[in-house]
Amino acid sequence: MSGELGPLRAAVERLMEAQREALEVTNRALDGEREVLDGEERSGAGERLEDALVDVRDILEGALDDAQDTLEGEA
């Protein structure tokens, strides 16, 4: 039974790590947004937020792919 749980455990751990990474990126983006005060800098902040969202998406997509590969490789 424990042999069957190995791939599942690895997939879950990868997804949890991706969630931590995504939260870190989101927090960095939000911290940067709070520092912006005047209108000219807002466009730069918008770009940083967009970049952060792209990073979050890439992290989560990568984790999903890794988890699927892990589970399919053991099937």
Protein backbone atom coordinates (compact mmCIF):
# COMPACT_ATOMS: atom_id res chain seq x y z
CA MET A 1 0.00 0.00 0.00
CA SER A 2 2.76 2.45 0.85
CA GLY A 3 4.27 1.90 -2.61
CA GLU A 4 1.02 3.11 -4.13
CA LEU A 5 1.09 6.27 -2.04
CA GLY A 6 4.59 7.33 -3.18
CA PRO A 7 3.52 8.92 -6.48
CA LEU A 8 0.47 10.51 -4.91
CA ARG A 9 2.57 11.94 -2.10
CA ALA A 10 5.09 13.33 -4.61
CA ALA A 11 2.31 14.92 -6.66
CA VAL A 12 0.70 16.52 -3.61
CA GLU A 13 4.04 17.79 -2.33
CA ARG A 14 4.79 19.36 -5.75
CA LEU A 15 1.40 21.08 -5.81
CA MET A 16 1.93 22.39 -2.29
CA GLU A 17 5.34 23.77 -3.23
CA ALA A 18 3.82 25.46 -6.28
CA GLN A 19 1.17 27.04 -4.07
CA ARG A 20 3.89 28.41 -1.78
CA GLU A 21 5.78 29.81 -4.78
CA ALA A 22 2.62 31.36 -6.18
CA LEU A 23 1.83 32.98 -2.84
CA GLU A 24 5.34 34.44 -2.64
CA VAL A 25 5.03 35.93 -6.13
CA THR A 26 1.60 37.32 -5.33
CA ASN A 27 2.84 38.86 -2.09
CA ARG A 28 5.78 40.50 -3.88
CA ALA A 29 3.43 41.97 -6.47
CA LEU A 30 1.02 43.27 -3.84
CA ASP A 31 3.84 44.76 -1.77
CA GLY A 32 5.10 46.58 -4.88
CA GLU A 33 1.60 47.89 -5.62
CA ARG A 34 1.25 49.34 -2.13
CA GLU A 35 4.45 51.32 -2.59
CA VAL A 36 3.13 53.09 -5.68
CA LEU A 37 1.47 56.41 -4.95
CA ASP A 38 1.29 58.70 -7.96
CA GLY A 39 -0.42 58.16 -11.34
CA GLU A 40 2.70 57.93 -13.48
CA GLU A 41 4.04 55.05 -11.45
CA ARG A 42 0.75 53.17 -11.59
CA SER A 43 1.38 51.98 -15.14
CA GLY A 44 4.66 50.45 -13.95
CA ALA A 45 2.83 48.85 -11.06
CA GLY A 46 0.26 47.43 -13.47
CA GLU A 47 3.06 45.90 -15.50
CA ARG A 48 4.59 44.39 -12.36
CA LEU A 49 1.24 42.92 -11.39
CA GLU A 50 0.76 41.49 -14.87
CA ASP A 51 4.26 39.98 -14.74
CA ALA A 52 3.51 38.52 -11.32
CA LEU A 53 0.28 36.96 -12.56
CA VAL A 54 2.14 35.42 -15.50
CA ASP A 55 4.68 33.99 -13.03
CA VAL A 56 1.89 32.58 -10.85
CA ARG A 57 0.23 30.99 -13.86
CA ASP A 58 3.52 29.46 -15.02
CA ILE A 59 4.26 28.09 -11.53
CA LEU A 60 0.84 26.50 -11.21
CA GLU A 61 0.87 25.10 -14.76
CA GLY A 62 4.30 23.59 -14.15
CA ALA A 63 3.15 22.00 -10.92
CA LEU A 64 0.07 20.57 -12.59
CA ASP A 65 2.19 19.10 -15.37
CA ASP A 66 4.63 17.63 -12.85
CA ALA A 67 1.83 16.11 -10.79
CA GLN A 68 0.16 14.63 -13.87
CA ASP A 69 3.47 13.18 -15.11
CA THR A 70 4.14 11.68 -11.68
CA LEU A 71 0.73 10.07 -11.44
CA GLU A 72 0.68 8.85 -15.06
CA GLY A 73 4.22 7.49 -14.78
CA GLU A 74 3.18 5.25 -11.92
CA ALA A 75 -0.10 4.09 -13.43
